[in-house]
Protein backbone atom coordinates (compact mmCIF):
# COMPACT_ATOMS: atom_id res chain seq x y z
CA MET A 1 -0.39 -0.22 -0.21
CA LYS A 2 2.72 2.52 0.91
CA LYS A 3 4.64 1.48 -2.51
CA ILE A 4 1.35 2.34 -4.43
CA LYS A 5 1.16 5.65 -2.31
CA GLN A 6 4.50 6.86 -3.21
CA THR A 7 4.09 5.87 -6.73
CA ILE A 8 0.84 8.69 -6.84
CA ARG A 9 2.78 11.26 -4.78
CA THR A 10 5.38 10.90 -7.62
CA MET A 11 3.24 10.76 -10.69
CA MET A 12 1.40 13.82 -9.38
CA LEU A 13 4.83 15.57 -8.87
CA GLY A 14 5.68 14.56 -12.73
CA ILE A 15 2.41 15.33 -14.35
CA TYR A 16 2.92 19.00 -12.42
CA ASP A 17 6.48 19.23 -14.06
CA LEU A 18 4.97 18.91 -17.20
CA PHE A 19 2.45 21.26 -16.89
CA LEU A 20 4.45 23.88 -15.98
CA ALA A 21 7.01 22.61 -18.81
CA THR A 22 4.36 23.14 -21.62
CA GLY A 23 3.63 26.55 -19.94
CA ALA A 24 6.96 27.74 -20.40
CA ILE A 25 7.34 26.51 -24.09
CA TRP A 26 4.47 28.05 -24.68
CA ILE A 27 5.14 31.08 -22.84
CA GLY A 28 8.84 31.14 -24.22
CA VAL A 29 7.74 30.32 -28.23
CA LYS A 30 4.78 33.31 -28.33
CA MET A 31 7.91 35.66 -26.49
CA VAL A 32 10.23 34.47 -29.82
CA LYS A 33 7.61 34.81 -32.00
CA SER A 34 6.64 38.45 -30.68
CA SER A 35 6.40 40.80 -33.71
CA SER A 36 3.51 42.04 -32.39
CA GLY A 37 1.33 41.71 -29.24
CA ILE A 38 1.97 41.82 -25.95
CA PHE A 39 5.59 41.09 -26.28
CA VAL A 40 6.26 43.38 -28.58
CA GLU A 41 8.52 45.43 -26.57
CA TYR A 42 9.88 45.96 -22.93
CA PRO A 43 7.54 49.40 -21.04
CA ASP A 44 9.84 52.06 -20.67
CA ARG A 45 10.14 51.46 -16.65
CA TRP A 46 11.96 48.17 -17.52
CA ALA A 47 13.89 48.73 -20.46
CA SER A 48 17.32 50.52 -18.88
CA ARG A 49 16.94 47.62 -16.46
CA LEU A 50 17.11 44.63 -17.62
CA PRO A 51 20.10 43.05 -19.65
CA PHE A 52 17.94 41.97 -23.15
CA ASP A 53 16.57 44.39 -25.82
CA SER A 54 14.41 42.51 -26.65
CA TRP A 55 11.80 39.18 -25.69
CA VAL A 56 13.87 36.84 -28.04
CA MET A 57 16.40 36.27 -25.31
CA PRO A 58 14.04 35.57 -22.65
CA GLY A 59 11.88 33.43 -24.52
CA ILE A 60 14.92 31.15 -25.57
CA LEU A 61 15.56 31.01 -21.61
CA ALA A 62 12.18 30.22 -20.96
CA ILE A 63 11.95 27.08 -23.48
CA VAL A 64 15.60 26.03 -22.09
CA ILE A 65 15.49 26.55 -18.64
CA PHE A 66 11.94 25.99 -17.53
CA GLY A 67 10.54 24.01 -20.49
CA LEU A 68 13.23 21.20 -20.82
CA GLY A 69 14.29 21.58 -17.67
CA ASN A 70 10.71 20.84 -16.01
CA ILE A 71 10.56 18.27 -18.85
CA ILE A 72 13.34 16.13 -17.44
CA ALA A 73 12.20 16.50 -14.08
CA ALA A 74 9.15 14.77 -15.23
CA VAL A 75 10.98 11.84 -17.01
CA PHE A 76 12.65 11.08 -13.50
CA SER A 77 8.91 10.99 -11.61
CA PHE A 78 7.66 8.66 -14.50
CA LYS A 79 10.59 6.55 -14.48
CA LYS A 80 10.62 2.67 -13.51
CA ARG A 81 12.79 3.63 -10.35
CA HIS A 82 12.16 7.07 -9.10
CA ASN A 83 13.02 7.09 -5.62
CA SER A 84 14.97 10.32 -6.24
CA SER A 85 12.76 11.60 -8.80
CA TRP A 86 12.42 14.52 -6.25
CA TYR A 87 15.64 16.35 -6.88
CA ALA A 88 14.84 17.23 -10.46
CA SER A 89 11.82 18.81 -9.34
CA THR A 90 12.83 20.72 -6.12
CA ILE A 91 15.57 22.50 -8.24
CA MET A 92 13.20 23.33 -10.90
CA GLY A 93 11.00 25.28 -8.16
CA ALA A 94 14.04 27.14 -6.59
CA ILE A 95 15.42 28.29 -9.80
CA PHE A 96 11.67 29.32 -10.61
CA LEU A 97 11.53 31.03 -7.35
CA ILE A 98 14.40 32.67 -7.25
CA SER A 99 13.99 33.99 -11.04
CA LEU A 100 11.14 35.68 -9.78
CA ILE A 101 11.96 37.12 -6.28
CA PHE A 102 15.32 38.38 -8.81
CA GLN A 103 12.59 39.64 -11.39
CA VAL A 104 10.96 41.86 -8.79
CA ILE A 105 14.03 42.95 -7.70
CA ILE A 106 15.42 44.27 -10.62
CA ILE A 107 12.61 45.45 -12.18
CA GLU A 108 11.66 46.81 -8.65
CA LYS A 109 7.72 46.11 -9.93
CA SER A 110 5.62 42.97 -10.55
CA TYR A 111 3.55 42.11 -13.05
CA ILE A 112 0.20 40.75 -13.19
CA VAL A 113 1.35 37.02 -13.46
CA THR A 114 4.42 36.91 -10.72
CA ASN A 115 1.77 35.78 -7.77
CA PRO A 116 0.14 33.35 -9.61
CA PHE A 117 4.00 32.19 -10.68
CA LEU A 118 4.93 32.46 -7.39
CA ALA A 119 2.41 30.10 -6.30
CA MET A 120 3.08 27.66 -9.28
CA SER A 121 6.92 27.89 -7.92
CA VAL A 122 5.59 27.13 -4.49
CA ILE A 123 3.33 24.41 -5.31
CA GLN A 124 6.11 22.70 -7.19
CA LEU A 125 8.79 23.18 -4.13
CA CYS A 126 5.93 21.67 -2.25
CA LEU A 127 4.80 18.63 -4.19
CA SER A 128 8.62 17.60 -4.14
CA GLY A 129 8.73 18.14 -0.69
CA TYR A 130 5.72 15.55 -0.28
CA VAL A 131 7.10 12.75 -2.71
CA PHE A 132 10.63 13.09 -0.61
CA LEU A 133 8.70 13.03 2.84
CA GLY A 134 7.46 9.90 1.25
CA TYR A 135 10.67 8.27 1.15
CA ARG A 136 11.99 9.35 4.52
CA LYS A 137 8.89 7.46 6.17
CA GLY A 138 10.56 4.10 5.99
CA PRO A 139 11.20 1.42 3.29
CA GLN A 140 8.66 0.94 0.79
CA LEU A 141 7.28 -2.79 0.30
């Protein structure tokens, strides 16, 4: 019974990692292709504070770091021996959280999706902790 419960925990984490990866890739592609719409240019207030002159590089970083990183974390969760799957998800959640904190510090403002993104990173860290605690409770039967 413990093994089934732990497998369910790990699968939940893997599915959540895939959810985050899908969102990161979708937003990253929109940023890279931003010749019109919301990602055309930075607000004037941000322009002098950011090391980018377009949304292309942040889009590529979103795809590579958060998209592919979360896919890798999900793969670890879906492997047959997934007793350390929480490592990759914890790393991705921490990177996500830290990047959001730095974004608020650098820009000196949070934008409309900052709080939901913060919540998503905290959920990822909590799910990773939940999986970790399942392994700490004792040997799986």
